[in-house]
Amino acid sequence: MVRLVLVLGDQLTPDIAALAVADKRQDVVVMAEVMGEGQSVAHHPQKIALILAAMRKFAAVLQAEGWRVAYSRLDDPENSQTISGELLRRADAFGASEVLATRPGEWRVLRDLEDLPLSVNLLEDDRFICREAEFAAWAEGRKQLRIEWFYRDMRRKTGLLMAGGKPVGGQWNFDHDNRKPAKRDLLRPRPGDVVPDAVVEDVLTLVESRFGHFGRLRPFRWATDRAGALAALAEFVAERLPRFGEEQDAMLEGEAFLSHAVISPYLNLGLLSPIEVCRAAEAAWQAGKVPIAAAEGFIRQVIGWREFVRGIWMQEGPAYLERNELGHGRDLPAVYWGGETRMACMAAAVGQTRDLAYAHHIQRLMVTGNFALLAGVAPAAVHEWYLSVYIDAFEWVEAPNTIGMSQFADGGVLGSKPYVSSGAYIDRMSDHCGGCAYKVKEKTGAGACPFNLLYWHFLNRHRERFRSNPRMGQMYRVWDGMDEAHRARVLEGAGQLLERLDRGEVV
């Protein structure tokens, strides 16, 4: 009996669970480019192009290895334009009644598969280091789920940067050596661009004709197969990993990549595995080519944070996407879609996102995320924006980072405090403020940095919730120690700023 083997666009791994148990002699691999996925949110054109081009190349690899692949192109007139529709169409064509599928990383897609009038065998996605049951067992009975303890267990499990059951260097993390402001460097190594081949060019032309979403499609710089992904990993380890730790939280005007890896799209598509990228970083440290602080900081992001947020997503379920513990409901300001702004940091982060479909984690967390949280934007709107505009954004990783870490909409499931700051943090970690229309040193008045005004407004309106938080008590003591008239001016200025946002005026 023929079975259909579903391979989604972020499951481009030859030994992924569904392929691993399938029978190459009789089963049919189903892959489909569909408008239903391309328009589920307004995905950045580069993200759509990356996924489609990588899918086409992966399908060719499978065919070369002897698999029978039923591939639906976006412009196929018989394409039903939904995953479910294509599975039903292929089931009818091949006389199949059973589907093998690796569990998708989006609740919407999972529901669609479960509703099919076919027998769907959903298999665990074993590309993750921490399995679903393992995370559930780790989380059971804990009052708080904190990454530090999870990360240590992942280090023990993988043996990464471990010796004799203990962390190399005598400590679990080296943050005190990391996260410094970056300096200008004319010789800074940047990720190399990949010249689009004929497959990619065909996809780019197709995306141009079908999607008018926010974001520039060209130039398109991304690798679209495993060989290109491996080359990008090797380039990062050799050229940028040595400075990664120091610069991971830094921002510089006009420097989109700094010393970041820029391999998350390849990890999240399945072209690279989490363990192999960590082993590459570990090997570079062992060879004396990078400091331990850099290697450890990178490895923590992969086996610590990446695995942790996926566990949160699995544990919390689809209702997590609707969490709004702070009761925020403001519309997403126009600046997020490229509208005019006088804020230099927001203009840089959004402009870079528009052009590259990429911004590093501090731009997402402490600029665009921070502003949305301080302004009280509805977390569902923020979630949809992040899922739309970033090339590495898939629900399992994006939603916890947005709902939990960035917007604190889960009330503390993922983090112990909201990530909010005044303009002082952005000034310390970037060079944006020097050329900004606002003055980061000004606390009140028309010229005051909006982050300064909104920071205290946020703390004041959420006082009952956060005043007893041990990580925030000092800030409330600072606020309470201010002159009453000064506090009134701050709140008045913040209120006026929010009114301008609500009217759609430039901020």
Protein backbone atom coordinates (compact mmCIF):
# COMPACT_ATOMS: atom_id res chain seq x y z
CA MET A 1 0.00 0.00 0.00
CA VAL A 2 1.40 3.38 -1.05
CA ARG A 3 1.79 5.95 1.72
CA LEU A 4 2.26 9.68 1.28
CA VAL A 5 5.30 11.17 3.04
CA LEU A 6 4.75 14.86 3.74
CA VAL A 7 7.85 17.07 3.81
CA LEU A 8 7.19 20.70 4.75
CA GLY A 9 9.31 23.68 3.77
CA ASP A 10 11.11 23.80 7.11
CA GLN A 11 11.77 20.05 7.18
CA LEU A 12 14.55 19.86 4.60
CA THR A 13 16.58 17.17 6.36
CA PRO A 14 17.21 13.85 4.58
CA ASP A 15 16.79 11.71 7.69
CA ILE A 16 13.86 13.61 9.20
CA ALA A 17 11.44 11.33 11.04
CA ALA A 18 8.89 10.83 8.25
CA LEU A 19 11.54 9.99 5.66
CA ALA A 20 13.42 7.78 8.10
CA VAL A 21 10.49 5.38 8.48
CA ALA A 22 9.21 5.57 4.90
CA ASP A 23 9.84 2.95 2.24
CA LYS A 24 11.66 4.41 -0.75
CA ARG A 25 10.49 1.50 -2.92
CA GLN A 26 6.79 2.32 -2.70
CA ASP A 27 6.00 5.49 -0.73
CA VAL A 28 5.56 8.89 -2.38
CA VAL A 29 7.08 12.07 -0.98
CA VAL A 30 4.69 15.02 -1.17
CA MET A 31 6.07 18.56 -1.23
CA ALA A 32 3.95 21.57 -2.11
CA GLU A 33 4.42 25.27 -2.67
CA VAL A 34 1.04 26.75 -1.75
CA MET A 35 -0.43 30.22 -1.43
CA GLY A 36 -2.15 29.15 1.77
CA GLU A 37 1.23 29.06 3.51
CA GLY A 38 2.71 32.06 1.72
CA GLN A 39 -0.26 34.19 2.77
CA SER A 40 -0.96 32.77 6.24
CA VAL A 41 0.73 35.99 7.33
CA ALA A 42 2.37 38.61 5.11
CA HIS A 43 5.69 36.78 4.92
CA HIS A 44 8.71 38.79 3.74
CA PRO A 45 9.35 38.10 0.03
CA GLN A 46 12.90 36.92 0.78
CA LYS A 47 11.57 34.41 3.29
CA ILE A 48 9.13 33.00 0.75
CA ALA A 49 11.85 32.84 -1.90
CA LEU A 50 14.30 31.11 0.43
CA ILE A 51 11.79 28.43 1.38
CA LEU A 52 10.60 27.76 -2.17
CA ALA A 53 14.10 27.62 -3.65
CA ALA A 54 15.36 25.37 -0.86
CA MET A 55 12.33 23.10 -1.28
CA ARG A 56 12.97 22.71 -5.00
CA LYS A 57 16.61 21.84 -4.46
CA PHE A 58 15.80 19.42 -1.65
CA ALA A 59 13.21 17.68 -3.83
CA ALA A 60 15.87 17.25 -6.51
CA VAL A 61 18.22 15.69 -3.95
CA LEU A 62 15.52 13.23 -2.88
CA GLN A 63 14.80 12.29 -6.49
CA ALA A 64 18.50 11.72 -7.13
CA GLU A 65 18.53 9.38 -4.13
CA GLY A 66 15.73 7.29 -5.62
CA TRP A 67 12.64 8.77 -3.95
CA ARG A 68 9.44 9.26 -5.91
CA VAL A 69 8.50 12.89 -5.30
CA ALA A 70 5.15 14.47 -6.09
CA TYR A 71 6.06 18.15 -6.13
CA SER A 72 3.51 20.94 -6.53
CA ARG A 73 4.82 24.24 -7.82
CA LEU A 74 3.09 27.46 -6.89
CA ASP A 75 2.16 28.22 -10.49
CA ASP A 76 0.83 24.73 -11.27
CA PRO A 77 -2.76 25.28 -12.48
CA GLU A 78 -3.85 22.06 -10.71
CA ASN A 79 -2.40 23.20 -7.38
CA SER A 80 -5.13 23.48 -4.73
CA GLN A 81 -2.90 26.00 -2.89
CA THR A 82 -3.21 24.36 0.53
CA ILE A 83 -1.18 21.58 2.15
CA SER A 84 -4.35 19.65 2.97
CA GLY A 85 -5.67 20.03 -0.55
CA GLU A 86 -2.45 18.77 -2.09
CA LEU A 87 -2.35 15.75 0.19
CA LEU A 88 -5.93 14.88 -0.81
CA ARG A 89 -5.11 15.39 -4.48
CA ARG A 90 -2.05 13.13 -4.24
CA ALA A 91 -3.94 10.55 -2.19
CA ASP A 92 -6.51 10.30 -4.96
CA ALA A 93 -3.84 10.08 -7.66
CA PHE A 94 -1.80 7.35 -5.97
CA GLY A 95 -4.59 5.48 -4.22
CA ALA A 96 -3.14 6.29 -0.79
CA SER A 97 -5.03 6.53 2.48
CA GLU A 98 -2.15 7.03 4.93
CA VAL A 99 0.16 9.99 5.46
CA LEU A 100 3.49 9.95 7.25
CA ALA A 101 4.32 13.41 8.59
CA THR A 102 6.88 14.89 10.92
CA ARG A 103 5.16 17.04 13.53
CA PRO A 104 4.94 20.61 12.13
CA GLY A 105 6.20 23.62 14.04
CA GLU A 106 2.96 25.57 13.74
CA TRP A 107 -0.30 24.80 15.52
CA ARG A 108 -2.41 25.88 12.55
CA VAL A 109 -0.73 23.36 10.24
CA LEU A 110 -1.01 20.64 12.87
CA ARG A 111 -4.76 21.21 13.17
CA ASP A 112 -5.14 21.02 9.38
CA LEU A 113 -3.33 17.67 9.28
CA GLU A 114 -5.39 16.28 12.14
CA ASP A 115 -8.60 17.27 10.33
CA LEU A 116 -7.73 15.39 7.13
CA PRO A 117 -10.02 12.49 6.14
CA LEU A 118 -6.88 10.35 5.87
CA SER A 119 -4.90 8.32 8.39
CA VAL A 120 -2.14 10.72 9.45
CA ASN A 121 0.78 9.24 11.37
CA LEU A 122 2.45 12.19 13.11
CA LEU A 123 6.03 11.52 14.15
CA GLU A 124 8.08 13.53 16.63
CA ASP A 125 10.57 15.94 15.08
CA ASP A 126 13.78 14.34 16.32
CA ARG A 127 16.05 17.07 14.95
CA PHE A 128 15.85 18.77 18.34
CA ILE A 129 18.30 17.82 21.07
CA CYS A 130 15.61 17.85 23.75
CA ARG A 131 12.66 15.58 22.98
CA GLU A 132 9.11 16.56 23.87
CA ALA A 133 8.77 14.06 26.73
CA GLU A 134 12.20 15.01 28.04
CA PHE A 135 11.27 18.69 28.31
CA ALA A 136 7.93 17.84 29.92
CA ALA A 137 9.71 15.70 32.51
CA TRP A 138 12.24 18.46 33.15
CA ALA A 139 9.48 21.07 33.58
CA GLU A 140 7.21 18.97 35.80
CA GLY A 141 6.97 20.24 39.35
CA ARG A 142 9.10 23.32 38.80
CA LYS A 143 7.65 26.60 40.05
CA GLN A 144 9.57 28.50 37.41
CA LEU A 145 11.08 27.39 34.11
CA ARG A 146 14.42 29.10 33.74
CA ILE A 147 16.89 28.62 30.94
CA GLU A 148 20.00 28.54 33.14
CA TRP A 149 19.11 25.17 34.67
CA PHE A 150 17.84 23.78 31.39
CA TYR A 151 21.01 24.87 29.60
CA ARG A 152 23.21 23.11 32.11
CA ASP A 153 21.29 19.89 31.57
CA MET A 154 21.72 20.24 27.80
CA ARG A 155 25.45 20.73 28.27
CA ARG A 156 25.58 17.55 30.34
CA LYS A 157 23.50 15.66 27.78
CA THR A 158 25.56 16.69 24.76
CA GLY A 159 28.96 16.87 26.46
CA LEU A 160 29.59 20.20 24.74
CA LEU A 161 32.31 22.19 26.53
CA MET A 162 32.39 19.60 29.31
CA ALA A 163 35.28 17.72 30.88
CA GLY A 164 34.91 15.11 33.61
CA GLY A 165 31.29 16.05 34.13
CA LYS A 166 32.15 19.71 34.74
CA PRO A 167 32.08 22.78 32.49
CA VAL A 168 35.39 23.61 30.88
CA GLY A 169 36.87 26.80 32.23
CA GLY A 170 35.23 26.17 35.59
CA GLN A 171 31.98 28.01 34.89
CA TRP A 172 28.79 27.53 32.91
CA ASN A 173 28.73 30.87 31.13
CA PHE A 174 31.10 33.72 30.43
CA ASP A 175 28.72 36.64 30.12
CA HIS A 176 31.02 38.88 32.13
CA ASP A 177 33.45 38.69 29.18
CA ASN A 178 30.75 39.20 26.57
CA ARG A 179 28.10 41.70 25.50
CA LYS A 180 30.15 44.84 25.04
CA PRO A 181 29.54 47.81 22.75
CA ALA A 182 31.06 47.35 19.30
CA LYS A 183 33.72 49.55 17.76
CA ARG A 184 33.93 50.74 14.18
CA ASP A 185 36.15 48.48 12.09
CA LEU A 186 36.81 48.98 8.40
CA LEU A 187 38.11 45.41 8.17
CA ARG A 188 35.04 43.82 9.74
CA PRO A 189 34.30 40.48 8.02
CA ARG A 190 30.75 40.28 6.70
CA PRO A 191 28.79 37.23 5.56
CA GLY A 192 29.39 36.57 1.89
CA ASP A 193 26.51 36.93 -0.52
CA VAL A 194 25.41 33.93 -2.57
CA VAL A 195 24.86 34.62 -6.28
CA PRO A 196 21.42 33.32 -7.27
CA ASP A 197 21.51 30.37 -9.66
CA ALA A 198 18.88 29.46 -12.26
CA VAL A 199 16.63 27.75 -9.70
CA VAL A 200 16.71 30.76 -7.39
CA GLU A 201 16.15 33.21 -10.25
CA ASP A 202 13.05 31.32 -11.32
CA VAL A 203 11.73 31.48 -7.77
CA LEU A 204 12.51 35.18 -7.42
CA THR A 205 10.58 35.92 -10.61
CA LEU A 206 7.65 33.85 -9.32
CA VAL A 207 7.63 35.59 -5.93
CA GLU A 208 7.75 39.00 -7.61
CA SER A 209 4.64 38.13 -9.61
CA ARG A 210 2.62 36.64 -6.74
CA PHE A 211 3.43 38.50 -3.51
CA GLY A 212 3.33 42.21 -2.69
CA HIS A 213 4.23 41.90 0.97
CA PHE A 214 6.39 44.30 3.00
CA GLY A 215 10.08 43.85 2.24
CA ARG A 216 12.51 44.02 -0.64
CA LEU A 217 13.15 40.83 -2.57
CA ARG A 218 16.38 41.83 -4.26
CA PRO A 219 19.26 41.65 -3.80
CA PHE A 220 18.78 38.09 -2.53
CA ARG A 221 21.86 36.91 -0.62
CA TRP A 222 20.86 33.61 0.97
CA ALA A 223 22.12 30.06 0.44
CA THR A 224 19.39 27.65 -0.61
CA ASP A 225 20.93 24.19 -0.15
CA ARG A 226 22.99 22.26 2.38
CA ALA A 227 26.30 22.95 0.65
CA GLY A 228 25.68 26.68 0.85
CA ALA A 229 24.56 26.41 4.46
CA LEU A 230 27.71 24.51 5.40
CA ALA A 231 29.81 27.15 3.65
CA ALA A 232 28.03 29.88 5.63
CA LEU A 233 28.69 28.01 8.88
CA ALA A 234 32.39 27.57 8.06
CA GLU A 235 32.71 31.24 7.17
CA PHE A 236 31.12 32.32 10.46
CA VAL A 237 33.31 30.06 12.58
CA ALA A 238 36.49 31.19 10.84
CA GLU A 239 35.80 34.90 10.51
CA ARG A 240 33.20 36.15 12.99
CA LEU A 241 32.92 33.68 15.86
CA PRO A 242 36.09 35.01 17.55
CA ARG A 243 34.29 38.31 18.22
CA PHE A 244 30.78 36.93 18.56
CA GLY A 245 30.70 36.94 22.36
CA GLU A 246 31.86 40.50 22.76
CA GLU A 247 29.55 41.89 20.10
CA GLN A 248 26.42 39.76 20.41
CA ASP A 249 24.40 42.57 22.05
CA ALA A 250 25.94 45.49 20.16
CA MET A 251 24.40 47.64 17.44
CA LEU A 252 26.13 49.87 14.90
CA GLU A 253 24.51 52.12 12.32
CA GLY A 254 24.83 50.54 8.88
CA GLU A 255 26.29 47.28 10.23
CA ALA A 256 23.57 44.66 9.87
CA PHE A 257 25.59 41.58 10.78
CA LEU A 258 28.48 42.56 13.07
CA SER A 259 29.87 39.23 14.34
CA HIS A 260 26.62 37.27 14.30
CA ALA A 261 26.36 33.82 12.76
CA VAL A 262 23.47 34.56 10.37
CA ILE A 263 22.83 30.82 10.06
CA SER A 264 19.48 30.66 11.87
CA PRO A 265 17.51 30.40 8.58
CA TYR A 266 19.50 27.30 7.67
CA LEU A 267 19.05 25.78 11.11
CA ASN A 268 15.32 26.41 11.08
CA LEU A 269 14.86 25.02 7.56
CA GLY A 270 16.76 21.87 8.51
CA LEU A 271 19.75 22.43 6.23
CA LEU A 272 22.00 22.45 9.31
CA SER A 273 21.60 20.58 12.59
CA PRO A 274 21.95 22.19 16.02
CA ILE A 275 24.54 19.69 17.19
CA GLU A 276 26.79 20.12 14.15
CA VAL A 277 26.93 23.90 14.43
CA CYS A 278 27.78 23.62 18.13
CA ARG A 279 30.45 21.03 17.46
CA ALA A 280 31.99 23.39 14.89
CA ALA A 281 32.17 26.18 17.47
CA GLU A 282 33.57 23.82 20.09
CA ALA A 283 36.23 22.55 17.67
CA ALA A 284 37.31 26.12 16.90
CA TRP A 285 37.79 26.76 20.62
CA GLN A 286 39.66 23.48 21.08
CA ALA A 287 41.96 24.48 18.22
CA GLY A 288 42.70 27.78 19.94
CA LYS A 289 41.05 29.84 17.20
CA VAL A 290 38.30 31.44 19.29
CA PRO A 291 38.05 32.39 22.98
CA ILE A 292 35.92 30.17 25.19
CA ALA A 293 33.59 33.07 25.94
CA ALA A 294 32.68 33.31 22.26
CA ALA A 295 32.20 29.58 21.76
CA GLU A 296 30.16 29.20 24.95
CA GLY A 297 27.97 32.21 24.17
CA PHE A 298 27.12 30.82 20.75
CA ILE A 299 26.51 27.28 21.98
CA ARG A 300 24.20 28.61 24.72
CA GLN A 301 22.02 30.31 22.12
CA VAL A 302 21.61 27.03 20.24
CA ILE A 303 21.33 24.21 22.79
CA GLY A 304 20.13 26.50 25.55
CA TRP A 305 17.78 29.15 24.26
CA ARG A 306 16.67 27.59 20.96
CA GLU A 307 15.81 24.28 22.58
CA PHE A 308 14.23 25.99 25.61
CA VAL A 309 11.78 28.12 23.64
CA ARG A 310 10.76 25.13 21.56
CA GLY A 311 9.98 23.28 24.78
CA ILE A 312 7.87 26.21 25.99
CA TRP A 313 5.97 26.26 22.68
CA MET A 314 5.24 22.55 22.93
CA GLN A 315 4.23 22.72 26.58
CA GLU A 316 1.95 25.75 26.36
CA GLY A 317 0.02 24.71 23.25
CA PRO A 318 -1.93 26.84 20.74
CA ALA A 319 -3.58 29.01 23.41
CA TYR A 320 -0.14 30.49 24.09
CA LEU A 321 -0.47 32.58 20.92
CA GLU A 322 -3.38 34.46 22.48
CA ARG A 323 -1.77 35.27 25.82
CA ASN A 324 -2.00 38.92 26.87
CA GLU A 325 -1.34 39.06 30.60
CA LEU A 326 -0.61 42.79 30.58
CA GLY A 327 -3.83 43.64 28.77
CA HIS A 328 -2.16 45.55 25.95
CA GLY A 329 -4.30 46.43 22.94
CA ARG A 330 -2.74 49.26 20.94
CA ASP A 331 -2.45 48.85 17.17
CA LEU A 332 0.99 48.21 15.73
CA PRO A 333 2.39 51.63 14.75
CA ALA A 334 3.00 52.35 11.08
CA VAL A 335 6.77 52.55 11.62
CA TYR A 336 6.87 48.74 11.81
CA TRP A 337 5.74 48.60 8.19
CA GLY A 338 8.23 51.20 7.03
CA GLY A 339 6.35 54.34 8.07
CA GLU A 340 8.30 57.49 8.76
CA THR A 341 9.95 57.87 12.18
CA ARG A 342 12.31 60.28 13.89
CA MET A 343 13.79 57.52 16.07
CA ALA A 344 17.16 56.52 14.63
CA CYS A 345 17.24 53.07 16.27
CA MET A 346 13.76 52.14 15.05
CA ALA A 347 14.50 53.43 11.56
CA ALA A 348 17.67 51.32 11.46
CA ALA A 349 16.05 48.14 12.73
CA VAL A 350 12.96 48.35 10.53
CA GLY A 351 14.90 49.51 7.48
CA GLN A 352 17.29 46.61 7.84
CA THR A 353 14.37 44.23 8.28
CA ARG A 354 12.75 45.56 5.11
CA ASP A 355 15.94 45.17 3.08
CA LEU A 356 17.36 41.92 4.47
CA ALA A 357 14.51 40.09 6.26
CA TYR A 358 17.01 40.00 9.11
CA ALA A 359 17.84 41.78 12.35
CA HIS A 360 19.81 40.31 15.21
CA HIS A 361 18.30 39.43 18.58
CA ILE A 362 19.03 42.72 20.37
CA GLN A 363 17.47 44.77 17.59
CA ARG A 364 14.39 42.57 17.88
CA LEU A 365 14.29 42.47 21.68
CA MET A 366 15.53 45.87 22.85
CA VAL A 367 14.50 48.12 19.95
CA THR A 368 11.38 46.96 18.10
CA GLY A 369 10.19 44.64 20.88
CA ASN A 370 11.00 47.08 23.66
CA PHE A 371 9.14 49.91 21.92
CA ALA A 372 6.06 47.75 21.30
CA LEU A 373 5.97 46.61 24.92
CA LEU A 374 6.46 50.09 26.35
CA ALA A 375 3.78 51.46 24.02
CA GLY A 376 1.29 48.74 24.98
CA VAL A 377 0.86 47.20 21.54
CA ALA A 378 -1.37 44.10 21.37
CA PRO A 379 1.00 41.11 21.62
CA ALA A 380 -0.86 39.20 18.89
CA ALA A 381 -0.07 42.03 16.48
CA VAL A 382 3.58 42.01 17.50
CA HIS A 383 3.69 38.22 17.12
CA GLU A 384 2.23 38.38 13.62
CA TRP A 385 4.73 41.08 12.61
CA TYR A 386 7.77 39.11 13.77
CA LEU A 387 6.45 35.93 12.15
CA SER A 388 5.93 37.87 8.92
CA VAL A 389 9.09 39.85 8.46
CA TYR A 390 12.02 37.69 9.56
CA ILE A 391 13.58 35.06 7.35
CA ASP A 392 14.23 32.70 10.28
CA ALA A 393 10.80 33.12 11.90
CA PHE A 394 8.78 29.93 12.36
CA GLU A 395 6.06 29.77 14.96
CA TRP A 396 7.73 27.29 17.34
CA VAL A 397 10.71 29.61 17.82
CA GLU A 398 9.20 33.02 17.10
CA ALA A 399 6.08 32.84 19.29
CA PRO A 400 7.82 32.16 22.64
CA ASN A 401 10.45 34.77 21.84
CA THR A 402 7.73 37.34 21.12
CA ILE A 403 4.82 36.42 23.40
CA GLY A 404 7.09 35.43 26.28
CA MET A 405 10.45 37.14 26.15
CA SER A 406 9.76 40.28 24.16
CA GLN A 407 6.22 41.19 25.25
CA PHE A 408 5.92 39.40 28.64
CA ALA A 409 2.42 38.49 27.51
CA ASP A 410 2.69 35.06 29.14
CA GLY A 411 3.00 36.65 32.59
CA GLY A 412 6.39 35.15 33.33
CA VAL A 413 6.26 31.60 31.98
CA LEU A 414 9.40 32.15 29.93
CA GLY A 415 11.18 35.00 31.75
CA SER A 416 11.28 36.45 35.23
CA LYS A 417 10.87 40.09 34.18
CA PRO A 418 9.85 42.15 31.17
CA TYR A 419 12.72 43.24 28.92
CA VAL A 420 12.18 46.98 29.03
CA SER A 421 14.68 49.79 29.08
CA SER A 422 14.98 53.51 28.64
CA GLY A 423 17.10 55.06 25.92
CA ALA A 424 20.20 54.68 28.09
CA TYR A 425 20.60 51.01 27.20
CA ILE A 426 20.34 51.70 23.46
CA ASP A 427 22.82 54.55 23.82
CA ARG A 428 25.26 52.32 25.67
CA MET A 429 25.07 49.44 23.19
CA SER A 430 24.85 51.36 19.92
CA ASP A 431 25.82 54.51 18.06
CA HIS A 432 22.24 55.27 16.97
CA CYS A 433 21.57 58.01 19.49
CA GLY A 434 24.26 60.42 18.27
CA GLY A 435 22.42 61.05 15.02
CA CYS A 436 18.87 60.83 16.33
CA ALA A 437 16.35 63.67 16.20
CA TYR A 438 15.60 62.97 19.87
CA LYS A 439 18.04 63.51 22.73
CA VAL A 440 18.72 60.42 24.77
CA LYS A 441 19.86 62.49 27.76
CA GLU A 442 16.61 64.43 27.88
CA LYS A 443 13.98 62.93 30.16
CA THR A 444 11.03 65.25 29.49
CA GLY A 445 9.87 67.66 26.83
CA ALA A 446 9.38 67.47 23.08
CA GLY A 447 12.98 66.46 22.45
CA ALA A 448 13.10 63.64 24.99
CA CYS A 449 13.85 60.14 23.75
CA PRO A 450 10.53 58.27 23.46
CA PHE A 451 12.07 55.29 25.25
CA ASN A 452 12.75 57.51 28.28
CA LEU A 453 9.17 58.69 28.49
CA LEU A 454 7.52 55.35 27.79
CA TYR A 455 9.79 53.38 30.12
CA TRP A 456 8.56 55.17 33.24
CA HIS A 457 4.99 55.24 31.94
CA PHE A 458 5.13 51.44 31.55
CA LEU A 459 6.49 50.94 35.06
CA ASN A 460 3.92 53.31 36.52
CA ARG A 461 0.87 51.75 34.85
CA HIS A 462 2.01 48.21 35.77
CA ARG A 463 3.15 49.06 39.26
CA GLU A 464 0.89 46.60 41.05
CA ARG A 465 2.22 43.71 39.00
CA PHE A 466 5.94 44.47 39.09
CA ARG A 467 6.76 46.49 42.19
CA SER A 468 7.44 43.34 44.22
CA ASN A 469 9.54 41.73 41.49
CA PRO A 470 13.04 41.46 43.00
CA ARG A 471 14.63 42.30 39.66
CA MET A 472 12.61 45.50 39.29
CA GLY A 473 12.37 46.89 42.80
CA GLN A 474 15.34 49.19 42.32
CA MET A 475 13.67 50.91 39.37
CA TYR A 476 10.56 51.61 41.41
CA ARG A 477 12.70 53.06 44.16
CA VAL A 478 14.32 55.36 41.59
CA TRP A 479 10.90 56.39 40.27
CA ASP A 480 9.53 57.01 43.75
CA GLY A 481 12.59 59.10 44.61
CA MET A 482 12.01 61.51 41.74
CA ASP A 483 10.46 64.90 42.30
CA GLU A 484 6.68 64.69 42.03
CA ALA A 485 6.53 67.46 39.47
CA HIS A 486 9.14 65.67 37.35
CA ARG A 487 7.14 62.44 37.46
CA ALA A 488 4.05 64.34 36.35
CA ARG A 489 5.94 65.82 33.38
CA VAL A 490 7.20 62.38 32.37
CA LEU A 491 3.73 60.86 32.47
CA GLU A 492 2.22 63.79 30.63
CA GLY A 493 4.86 63.58 27.91
CA ALA A 494 4.38 59.83 27.57
CA GLY A 495 0.62 60.24 27.35
CA GLN A 496 1.00 62.80 24.57
CA LEU A 497 3.39 60.49 22.73
CA LEU A 498 0.91 57.61 22.91
CA GLU A 499 -1.88 59.87 21.68
CA ARG A 500 0.26 60.75 18.67
CA LEU A 501 0.78 57.06 17.97
CA ASP A 502 -2.95 56.45 18.16
CA ARG A 503 -3.57 59.28 15.67
CA GLY A 504 -1.01 57.79 13.30
CA GLU A 505 1.37 60.74 13.60
CA VAL A 506 5.10 60.45 13.08
CA VAL A 507 7.00 59.70 16.27
